PDB file of N, CA and C in Angstrom:
ATOM      1  N   UNK A   1     -21.105  18.717  24.596  1.00  0.00           N
ATOM      2  CA  UNK A   1     -19.987  17.720  24.681  1.00  0.00           C
ATOM      3  C   UNK A   1     -18.882  18.527  25.530  1.00  0.00           C
ATOM      4  N   UNK A   2     -18.358  17.878  26.353  1.00  0.00           N
ATOM      5  CA  UNK A   2     -17.450  18.228  27.340  1.00  0.00           C
ATOM      6  C   UNK A   2     -16.023  18.562  26.572  1.00  0.00           C
ATOM      7  N   UNK A   3     -15.374  19.481  26.962  1.00  0.00           N
ATOM      8  CA  UNK A   3     -14.087  19.802  26.209  1.00  0.00           C
ATOM      9  C   UNK A   3     -13.019  18.805  26.212  1.00  0.00           C
ATOM     10  N   UNK A   4     -12.933  18.065  27.303  1.00  0.00           N
ATOM     11  CA  UNK A   4     -11.960  17.080  27.253  1.00  0.00           C
ATOM     12  C   UNK A   4     -12.389  15.630  26.398  1.00  0.00           C
ATOM     13  N   UNK A   5     -13.686  15.538  26.226  1.00  0.00           N
ATOM     14  CA  UNK A   5     -14.124  14.523  25.459  1.00  0.00           C
ATOM     15  C   UNK A   5     -13.836  14.986  23.848  1.00  0.00           C
ATOM     16  N   UNK A   6     -14.132  16.460  23.680  1.00  0.00           N
ATOM     17  CA  UNK A   6     -13.930  16.690  22.270  1.00  0.00           C
ATOM     18  C   UNK A   6     -12.306  16.722  21.889  1.00  0.00           C
ATOM     19  N   UNK A   7     -11.568  17.076  22.755  1.00  0.00           N
ATOM     20  CA  UNK A   7     -10.195  17.043  22.490  1.00  0.00           C
ATOM     21  C   UNK A   7      -9.645  15.520  22.283  1.00  0.00           C
ATOM     22  N   UNK A   8     -10.151  14.697  23.064  1.00  0.00           N
ATOM     23  CA  UNK A   8      -9.934  13.341  22.932  1.00  0.00           C
ATOM     24  C   UNK A   8     -10.371  12.693  21.579  1.00  0.00           C
ATOM     25  N   UNK A   9     -11.445  13.177  21.141  1.00  0.00           N
ATOM     26  CA  UNK A   9     -12.069  12.701  19.964  1.00  0.00           C
ATOM     27  C   UNK A   9     -11.177  13.276  18.758  1.00  0.00           C
ATOM     28  N   UNK A  10     -10.774  14.570  18.856  1.00  0.00           N
ATOM     29  CA  UNK A  10     -10.015  15.245  18.009  1.00  0.00           C
ATOM     30  C   UNK A  10      -8.710  14.608  17.758  1.00  0.00           C
ATOM     31  N   UNK A  11      -7.945  14.357  18.811  1.00  0.00           N
ATOM     32  CA  UNK A  11      -6.625  13.519  18.776  1.00  0.00           C
ATOM     33  C   UNK A  11      -6.994  12.226  18.200  1.00  0.00           C
ATOM     34  N   UNK A  12      -8.004  11.595  18.522  1.00  0.00           N
ATOM     35  CA  UNK A  12      -8.230  10.115  18.093  1.00  0.00           C
ATOM     36  C   UNK A  12      -8.232  10.322  16.449  1.00  0.00           C
ATOM     37  N   UNK A  13      -9.034  11.161  15.934  1.00  0.00           N
ATOM     38  CA  UNK A  13      -9.459  11.345  14.591  1.00  0.00           C
ATOM     39  C   UNK A  13      -8.031  11.713  13.961  1.00  0.00           C
ATOM     40  N   UNK A  14      -7.124  12.653  14.518  1.00  0.00           N
ATOM     41  CA  UNK A  14      -6.029  13.162  13.841  1.00  0.00           C
ATOM     42  C   UNK A  14      -4.908  12.000  13.741  1.00  0.00           C
ATOM     43  N   UNK A  15      -4.704  11.371  14.711  1.00  0.00           N
ATOM     44  CA  UNK A  15      -3.813  10.140  14.612  1.00  0.00           C
ATOM     45  C   UNK A  15      -4.124   8.991  14.060  1.00  0.00           C
ATOM     46  N   UNK A  16      -5.590   8.880  14.084  1.00  0.00           N
ATOM     47  CA  UNK A  16      -6.113   7.724  13.495  1.00  0.00           C
ATOM     48  C   UNK A  16      -6.058   7.853  11.876  1.00  0.00           C
ATOM     49  N   UNK A  17      -6.385   9.155  11.467  1.00  0.00           N
ATOM     50  CA  UNK A  17      -6.250   9.278   9.994  1.00  0.00           C
ATOM     51  C   UNK A  17      -4.757   9.107   9.461  1.00  0.00           C
ATOM     52  N   UNK A  18      -3.922   9.488  10.268  1.00  0.00           N
ATOM     53  CA  UNK A  18      -2.433   9.339   9.810  1.00  0.00           C
ATOM     54  C   UNK A  18      -1.992   7.860   9.812  1.00  0.00           C
ATOM     55  N   UNK A  19      -2.552   7.089  10.810  1.00  0.00           N
ATOM     56  CA  UNK A  19      -2.189   5.628  10.796  1.00  0.00           C
ATOM     57  C   UNK A  19      -3.017   4.927   9.751  1.00  0.00           C
ATOM     58  N   UNK A  20      -4.156   5.308   9.430  1.00  0.00           N
ATOM     59  CA  UNK A  20      -5.023   4.730   8.344  1.00  0.00           C
ATOM     60  C   UNK A  20      -4.237   5.012   7.022  1.00  0.00           C
ATOM     61  N   UNK A  21      -3.853   6.317   6.842  1.00  0.00           N
ATOM     62  CA  UNK A  21      -2.936   6.347   5.566  1.00  0.00           C
ATOM     63  C   UNK A  21      -1.582   5.646   5.463  1.00  0.00           C
ATOM     64  N   UNK A  22      -1.011   5.454   6.561  1.00  0.00           N
ATOM     65  CA  UNK A  22       0.296   4.736   6.603  1.00  0.00           C
ATOM     66  C   UNK A  22       0.007   3.304   6.264  1.00  0.00           C
ATOM     67  N   UNK A  23      -1.193   2.672   6.775  1.00  0.00           N
ATOM     68  CA  UNK A  23      -1.484   1.203   6.584  1.00  0.00           C
ATOM     69  C   UNK A  23      -1.882   1.121   5.150  1.00  0.00           C
ATOM     70  N   UNK A  24      -2.467   2.050   4.411  1.00  0.00           N
ATOM     71  CA  UNK A  24      -2.934   2.050   3.195  1.00  0.00           C
ATOM     72  C   UNK A  24      -1.683   2.088   2.269  1.00  0.00           C
ATOM     73  N   UNK A  25      -0.663   3.080   2.470  1.00  0.00           N
ATOM     74  CA  UNK A  25       0.495   2.979   1.673  1.00  0.00           C
ATOM     75  C   UNK A  25       1.237   1.677   1.797  1.00  0.00           C
ATOM     76  N   UNK A  26       1.106   0.990   2.879  1.00  0.00           N
ATOM     77  CA  UNK A  26       1.952  -0.139   3.162  1.00  0.00           C
ATOM     78  C   UNK A  26       1.259  -1.233   2.399  1.00  0.00           C
ATOM     79  N   UNK A  27      -0.115  -1.288   2.345  1.00  0.00           N
ATOM     80  CA  UNK A  27      -0.788  -2.192   1.554  1.00  0.00           C
ATOM     81  C   UNK A  27      -0.444  -2.088   0.059  1.00  0.00           C
ATOM     82  N   UNK A  28      -0.371  -0.897  -0.261  1.00  0.00           N
ATOM     83  CA  UNK A  28      -0.214  -0.524  -2.040  1.00  0.00           C
ATOM     84  C   UNK A  28       1.373  -0.989  -2.127  1.00  0.00           C
ATOM     85  N   UNK A  29       2.248  -0.770  -1.399  1.00  0.00           N
ATOM     86  CA  UNK A  29       3.647  -1.157  -1.606  1.00  0.00           C
ATOM     87  C   UNK A  29       3.606  -2.656  -1.502  1.00  0.00           C
ATOM     88  N   UNK A  30       3.003  -3.307  -0.659  1.00  0.00           N
ATOM     89  CA  UNK A  30       3.091  -4.681  -0.617  1.00  0.00           C
ATOM     90  C   UNK A  30       2.414  -5.445  -2.139  1.00  0.00           C
ATOM     91  N   UNK A  31       1.319  -4.877  -2.515  1.00  0.00           N
ATOM     92  CA  UNK A  31       0.640  -5.222  -3.768  1.00  0.00           C
ATOM     93  C   UNK A  31       1.727  -5.157  -4.805  1.00  0.00           C
ATOM     94  N   UNK A  32       2.226  -3.941  -4.948  1.00  0.00           N
ATOM     95  CA  UNK A  32       3.330  -3.686  -6.053  1.00  0.00           C
ATOM     96  C   UNK A  32       4.562  -4.487  -5.904  1.00  0.00           C
ATOM     97  N   UNK A  33       5.051  -4.890  -4.835  1.00  0.00           N
ATOM     98  CA  UNK A  33       6.032  -5.846  -4.768  1.00  0.00           C
ATOM     99  C   UNK A  33       5.544  -7.216  -5.243  1.00  0.00           C
ATOM    100  N   UNK A  34       4.399  -7.628  -4.844  1.00  0.00           N
ATOM    101  CA  UNK A  34       3.912  -9.000  -5.346  1.00  0.00           C
ATOM    102  C   UNK A  34       3.790  -8.999  -6.983  1.00  0.00           C
ATOM    103  N   UNK A  35       3.319  -7.830  -7.463  1.00  0.00           N
ATOM    104  CA  UNK A  35       3.145  -7.911  -8.806  1.00  0.00           C
ATOM    105  C   UNK A  35       4.509  -7.905  -9.676  1.00  0.00           C
ATOM    106  N   UNK A  36       5.576  -7.202  -8.866  1.00  0.00           N
ATOM    107  CA  UNK A  36       6.907  -7.121  -9.619  1.00  0.00           C
ATOM    108  C   UNK A  36       7.388  -8.486  -9.533  1.00  0.00           C
ATOM    109  N   UNK A  37       7.214  -9.285  -8.332  1.00  0.00           N
ATOM    110  CA  UNK A  37       7.857 -10.574  -8.282  1.00  0.00           C
ATOM    111  C   UNK A  37       7.160 -11.572  -9.316  1.00  0.00           C
ATOM    112  N   UNK A  38       5.830 -11.338  -9.424  1.00  0.00           N
ATOM    113  CA  UNK A  38       5.184 -12.145 -10.342  1.00  0.00           C
ATOM    114  C   UNK A  38       5.735 -12.211 -11.817  1.00  0.00           C
ATOM    115  N   UNK A  39       5.905 -10.767 -12.037  1.00  0.00           N
ATOM    116  CA  UNK A  39       6.660 -10.249 -13.497  1.00  0.00           C
ATOM    117  C   UNK A  39       8.085 -11.075 -13.505  1.00  0.00           C
ATOM    118  N   UNK A  40       8.693 -10.907 -12.586  1.00  0.00           N
ATOM    119  CA  UNK A  40      10.085 -11.588 -12.492  1.00  0.00           C
ATOM    120  C   UNK A  40      10.023 -13.081 -12.647  1.00  0.00           C
ATOM    121  N   UNK A  41       9.067 -13.688 -11.969  1.00  0.00           N
ATOM    122  CA  UNK A  41       8.957 -15.144 -12.098  1.00  0.00           C
ATOM    123  C   UNK A  41       8.479 -15.524 -13.498  1.00  0.00           C
ATOM    124  N   UNK A  42       7.602 -14.741 -14.134  1.00  0.00           N
ATOM    125  CA  UNK A  42       7.296 -15.062 -15.526  1.00  0.00           C
ATOM    126  C   UNK A  42       8.437 -14.907 -16.690  1.00  0.00           C
ATOM    127  N   UNK A  43       9.363 -13.883 -16.270  1.00  0.00           N
ATOM    128  CA  UNK A  43      10.540 -13.688 -16.972  1.00  0.00           C
ATOM    129  C   UNK A  43      11.489 -14.746 -16.890  1.00  0.00           C
ATOM    130  N   UNK A  44      11.600 -15.370 -15.653  1.00  0.00           N
ATOM    131  CA  UNK A  44      12.682 -16.190 -15.405  1.00  0.00           C
ATOM    132  C   UNK A  44      12.089 -17.624 -16.207  1.00  0.00           C
ATOM    133  N   UNK A  45      10.961 -17.754 -16.226  1.00  0.00           N
ATOM    134  CA  UNK A  45      10.123 -18.924 -16.858  1.00  0.00           C
ATOM    135  C   UNK A  45      10.250 -18.975 -18.293  1.00  0.00           C
ATOM    136  N   UNK A  46      10.385 -17.689 -18.792  1.00  0.00           N
ATOM    137  CA  UNK A  46      10.545 -17.673 -20.334  1.00  0.00           C
ATOM    138  C   UNK A  46       9.078 -17.456 -20.788  1.00  0.00           C
ATOM    139  N   UNK A  47       8.196 -16.899 -20.023  1.00  0.00           N
ATOM    140  CA  UNK A  47       6.716 -16.627 -20.466  1.00  0.00           C
ATOM    141  C   UNK A  47       6.694 -15.619 -21.652  1.00  0.00           C
ATOM    142  N   UNK A  48       5.855 -15.820 -22.580  1.00  0.00           N
ATOM    143  CA  UNK A  48       5.743 -14.891 -23.683  1.00  0.00           C
ATOM    144  C   UNK A  48       4.819 -13.737 -23.408  1.00  0.00           C
ATOM    145  N   UNK A  49       4.471 -13.689 -22.010  1.00  0.00           N
ATOM    146  CA  UNK A  49       3.464 -12.630 -21.780  1.00  0.00           C
ATOM    147  C   UNK A  49       4.212 -11.392 -21.414  1.00  0.00           C
ATOM    148  N   UNK A  50       5.600 -11.432 -21.286  1.00  0.00           N
ATOM    149  CA  UNK A  50       6.337 -10.214 -20.852  1.00  0.00           C
ATOM    150  C   UNK A  50       6.462  -9.257 -22.263  1.00  0.00           C
ATOM    151  N   UNK A  51       5.935  -7.977 -22.087  1.00  0.00           N
ATOM    152  CA  UNK A  51       6.075  -7.113 -23.065  1.00  0.00           C
ATOM    153  C   UNK A  51       7.171  -6.163 -22.896  1.00  0.00           C
ATOM    154  N   UNK A  52       8.073  -6.254 -22.064  1.00  0.00           N
ATOM    155  CA  UNK A  52       9.171  -5.455 -21.825  1.00  0.00           C
ATOM    156  C   UNK A  52      10.390  -5.744 -22.688  1.00  0.00           C
ATOM    157  N   UNK A  53      10.205  -6.890 -23.390  1.00  0.00           N
ATOM    158  CA  UNK A  53      11.493  -7.327 -24.058  1.00  0.00           C
ATOM    159  C   UNK A  53      11.643  -6.393 -25.409  1.00  0.00           C
ATOM    160  N   UNK A  54      13.059  -6.118 -25.573  1.00  0.00           N
ATOM    161  CA  UNK A  54      13.342  -5.338 -26.740  1.00  0.00           C
ATOM    162  C   UNK A  54      13.312  -6.268 -27.949  1.00  0.00           C
ATOM    163  N   UNK A  55      12.890  -5.646 -29.017  1.00  0.00           N
ATOM    164  CA  UNK A  55      12.550  -6.355 -30.397  1.00  0.00           C
ATOM    165  C   UNK A  55      13.940  -6.920 -30.854  1.00  0.00           C
TER     166      UNK A  55
END
């Protein structure tokens, strides 16, 4: 393998892995926000499924 091709592949893998990690974290944050919003909606509607209510 040519040195230039190896360096290009190395750079692609390095920056690609960083980009993949960032996209994964954004997906996790979006899912958490959706779940929090669903819990807020249930609490606003008076749903008995909320377990965070104080006795």
